[in-house]
Amino acid sequence: MEKSQTKDPLHGITLQAILEKLVHYYGFDTLGELIKIKCFNENPSIKSSLTFLRKTEWARKKVEELYIKTLPKLDN
């Protein structure tokens, strides 16, 4: 019997990889406009953003939702 692969687009990808792809695609300026959180708008960095997102579930969910919406554009 074959194992069915998961349909979850977040399966197997780290929060850091998600954030790096979004920052590469949008930049922190646009990311800060799309998701209004301080770590994207004031002295943004991957490290400080990861620290905040790991502690703040609602913000992490917003980042994950944006990543899922952006996935088709990232593949091109």
N, C-alpha and C. Protein backbone atom coordinates (compact mmCIF):
# COMPACT_ATOMS: atom_id res chain seq x y z
N MET A 1 0.85 -1.18 0.00
CA MET A 1 0.00 0.00 0.00
C MET A 1 0.90 1.25 0.00
N GLU A 2 0.61 2.19 -0.88
CA GLU A 2 1.42 3.40 -0.96
C GLU A 2 1.00 4.41 0.10
N LYS A 3 1.99 5.13 0.60
CA LYS A 3 1.69 6.19 1.54
C LYS A 3 1.20 7.40 0.75
N SER A 4 0.12 8.01 1.22
CA SER A 4 -0.36 9.20 0.54
C SER A 4 0.42 10.41 1.05
N GLN A 5 0.79 11.28 0.12
CA GLN A 5 1.54 12.46 0.51
C GLN A 5 0.58 13.51 1.05
N THR A 6 1.08 14.28 1.99
CA THR A 6 0.26 15.32 2.60
C THR A 6 0.00 16.45 1.61
N LYS A 7 -1.16 17.06 1.73
CA LYS A 7 -1.52 18.20 0.87
C LYS A 7 -1.19 19.52 1.57
N ASP A 8 -0.71 19.45 2.79
CA ASP A 8 -0.40 20.65 3.57
C ASP A 8 0.84 21.34 2.97
N PRO A 9 0.67 22.57 2.44
CA PRO A 9 1.81 23.25 1.84
C PRO A 9 2.88 23.66 2.85
N LEU A 10 2.55 23.62 4.14
CA LEU A 10 3.51 23.99 5.18
C LEU A 10 4.29 22.77 5.68
N HIS A 11 3.88 21.58 5.26
CA HIS A 11 4.54 20.36 5.72
C HIS A 11 6.00 20.33 5.27
N GLY A 12 6.89 20.17 6.23
CA GLY A 12 8.30 20.00 5.92
C GLY A 12 9.07 21.30 5.66
N ILE A 13 8.44 22.43 5.87
CA ILE A 13 9.15 23.70 5.65
C ILE A 13 9.24 24.44 6.99
N THR A 14 10.40 25.00 7.24
CA THR A 14 10.60 25.69 8.52
C THR A 14 10.06 27.11 8.45
N LEU A 15 9.80 27.68 9.60
CA LEU A 15 9.37 29.07 9.68
C LEU A 15 10.43 29.98 9.09
N GLN A 16 11.68 29.66 9.32
CA GLN A 16 12.77 30.46 8.77
C GLN A 16 12.74 30.44 7.24
N ALA A 17 12.53 29.28 6.65
CA ALA A 17 12.47 29.18 5.19
C ALA A 17 11.28 29.97 4.64
N ILE A 18 10.15 29.89 5.31
CA ILE A 18 8.96 30.65 4.90
C ILE A 18 9.27 32.13 4.92
N LEU A 19 9.83 32.60 6.02
CA LEU A 19 10.13 34.01 6.18
C LEU A 19 11.16 34.48 5.15
N GLU A 20 12.19 33.70 4.94
CA GLU A 20 13.22 34.07 3.96
C GLU A 20 12.65 34.19 2.55
N LYS A 21 11.76 33.26 2.19
CA LYS A 21 11.14 33.32 0.86
C LYS A 21 10.25 34.55 0.73
N LEU A 22 9.47 34.86 1.78
CA LEU A 22 8.60 36.03 1.73
C LEU A 22 9.40 37.32 1.67
N VAL A 23 10.47 37.40 2.44
CA VAL A 23 11.31 38.60 2.43
C VAL A 23 11.99 38.75 1.06
N HIS A 24 12.43 37.65 0.49
CA HIS A 24 13.07 37.70 -0.83
C HIS A 24 12.05 38.17 -1.88
N TYR A 25 10.82 37.68 -1.78
CA TYR A 25 9.80 38.01 -2.78
C TYR A 25 9.26 39.43 -2.59
N TYR A 26 8.89 39.78 -1.35
CA TYR A 26 8.24 41.06 -1.08
C TYR A 26 9.19 42.15 -0.59
N GLY A 27 10.21 41.76 0.18
CA GLY A 27 11.02 42.73 0.91
C GLY A 27 10.31 43.08 2.21
N PHE A 28 11.06 43.58 3.18
CA PHE A 28 10.46 43.90 4.48
C PHE A 28 9.46 45.05 4.38
N ASP A 29 9.69 46.01 3.47
CA ASP A 29 8.77 47.15 3.35
C ASP A 29 7.36 46.68 3.00
N THR A 30 7.25 45.89 1.95
CA THR A 30 5.94 45.40 1.53
C THR A 30 5.38 44.41 2.54
N LEU A 31 6.22 43.57 3.09
CA LEU A 31 5.78 42.61 4.10
C LEU A 31 5.19 43.35 5.30
N GLY A 32 5.81 44.45 5.68
CA GLY A 32 5.30 45.26 6.78
C GLY A 32 3.97 45.92 6.48
N GLU A 33 3.71 46.19 5.20
CA GLU A 33 2.41 46.74 4.81
C GLU A 33 1.34 45.65 4.80
N LEU A 34 1.71 44.47 4.35
CA LEU A 34 0.76 43.36 4.26
C LEU A 34 0.42 42.78 5.64
N ILE A 35 1.41 42.69 6.49
CA ILE A 35 1.21 42.19 7.86
C ILE A 35 1.79 43.24 8.79
N LYS A 36 0.91 43.96 9.43
CA LYS A 36 1.33 45.11 10.23
C LYS A 36 1.82 44.67 11.62
N ILE A 37 3.07 44.25 11.66
CA ILE A 37 3.69 43.91 12.93
C ILE A 37 5.03 44.64 13.01
N LYS A 38 5.36 45.02 14.21
CA LYS A 38 6.53 45.87 14.46
C LYS A 38 7.83 45.27 13.93
N CYS A 39 8.00 43.97 14.05
CA CYS A 39 9.27 43.35 13.65
C CYS A 39 9.52 43.44 12.14
N PHE A 40 8.48 43.74 11.35
CA PHE A 40 8.66 43.94 9.92
C PHE A 40 8.86 45.41 9.56
N ASN A 41 8.51 46.30 10.47
CA ASN A 41 8.51 47.73 10.16
C ASN A 41 9.60 48.54 10.86
N GLU A 42 10.11 48.06 11.96
CA GLU A 42 11.13 48.80 12.71
C GLU A 42 12.39 47.94 12.85
N ASN A 43 13.45 48.36 12.18
CA ASN A 43 14.73 47.62 12.18
C ASN A 43 14.53 46.13 11.91
N PRO A 44 13.90 45.80 10.78
CA PRO A 44 13.59 44.39 10.52
C PRO A 44 14.83 43.55 10.23
N SER A 45 14.78 42.33 10.71
CA SER A 45 15.79 41.33 10.37
C SER A 45 15.13 39.96 10.46
N ILE A 46 15.71 39.01 9.79
CA ILE A 46 15.19 37.64 9.86
C ILE A 46 15.22 37.15 11.30
N LYS A 47 16.34 37.38 11.97
CA LYS A 47 16.52 36.88 13.35
C LYS A 47 15.48 37.45 14.30
N SER A 48 15.30 38.77 14.30
CA SER A 48 14.34 39.37 15.23
C SER A 48 12.90 38.97 14.88
N SER A 49 12.63 38.85 13.59
CA SER A 49 11.30 38.44 13.16
C SER A 49 11.00 37.01 13.59
N LEU A 50 11.98 36.12 13.44
CA LEU A 50 11.79 34.73 13.86
C LEU A 50 11.54 34.64 15.35
N THR A 51 12.27 35.41 16.13
CA THR A 51 12.08 35.41 17.58
C THR A 51 10.65 35.79 17.93
N PHE A 52 10.15 36.86 17.30
CA PHE A 52 8.79 37.32 17.56
C PHE A 52 7.76 36.30 17.08
N LEU A 53 7.92 35.80 15.86
CA LEU A 53 6.93 34.89 15.29
C LEU A 53 6.86 33.57 16.03
N ARG A 54 7.97 33.12 16.58
CA ARG A 54 7.96 31.86 17.34
C ARG A 54 7.20 32.00 18.66
N LYS A 55 7.15 33.22 19.18
CA LYS A 55 6.47 33.47 20.46
C LYS A 55 5.02 33.90 20.28
N THR A 56 4.65 34.33 19.06
CA THR A 56 3.36 34.97 18.85
C THR A 56 2.57 34.21 17.78
N GLU A 57 1.67 33.36 18.24
CA GLU A 57 0.98 32.45 17.33
C GLU A 57 0.13 33.19 16.28
N TRP A 58 -0.59 34.24 16.67
CA TRP A 58 -1.44 34.94 15.70
C TRP A 58 -0.61 35.54 14.57
N ALA A 59 0.57 36.06 14.89
CA ALA A 59 1.43 36.66 13.87
C ALA A 59 2.01 35.57 12.96
N ARG A 60 2.39 34.45 13.56
CA ARG A 60 2.92 33.34 12.77
C ARG A 60 1.86 32.83 11.80
N LYS A 61 0.60 32.76 12.26
CA LYS A 61 -0.50 32.31 11.39
C LYS A 61 -0.66 33.24 10.20
N LYS A 62 -0.55 34.55 10.43
CA LYS A 62 -0.67 35.52 9.34
C LYS A 62 0.46 35.33 8.31
N VAL A 63 1.66 35.09 8.80
CA VAL A 63 2.80 34.85 7.91
C VAL A 63 2.58 33.56 7.11
N GLU A 64 2.11 32.52 7.78
CA GLU A 64 1.86 31.25 7.09
C GLU A 64 0.76 31.40 6.04
N GLU A 65 -0.30 32.15 6.37
CA GLU A 65 -1.39 32.38 5.41
C GLU A 65 -0.89 33.15 4.20
N LEU A 66 -0.07 34.17 4.42
CA LEU A 66 0.48 34.93 3.30
C LEU A 66 1.37 34.03 2.44
N TYR A 67 2.16 33.18 3.08
CA TYR A 67 3.03 32.26 2.34
C TYR A 67 2.19 31.35 1.44
N ILE A 68 1.11 30.80 1.97
CA ILE A 68 0.25 29.90 1.18
C ILE A 68 -0.35 30.66 0.00
N LYS A 69 -0.79 31.90 0.22
CA LYS A 69 -1.35 32.71 -0.87
C LYS A 69 -0.29 33.06 -1.91
N THR A 70 0.95 33.19 -1.48
CA THR A 70 2.03 33.61 -2.35
C THR A 70 2.69 32.43 -3.08
N LEU A 71 2.48 31.22 -2.61
CA LEU A 71 3.13 30.04 -3.18
C LEU A 71 3.06 29.96 -4.71
N PRO A 72 1.90 30.17 -5.33
CA PRO A 72 1.88 30.08 -6.80
C PRO A 72 2.84 31.08 -7.46
N LYS A 73 3.01 32.24 -6.86
CA LYS A 73 3.92 33.26 -7.42
C LYS A 73 5.38 32.87 -7.17
N LEU A 74 5.65 32.19 -6.07
CA LEU A 74 7.01 31.78 -5.75
C LEU A 74 7.50 30.69 -6.68
N ASP A 75 6.59 29.88 -7.18
CA ASP A 75 6.95 28.78 -8.06
C ASP A 75 7.33 29.25 -9.46
N ASN A 76 6.91 30.46 -9.81
CA ASN A 76 7.20 30.99 -11.17
C ASN A 76 8.53 31.64 -11.24
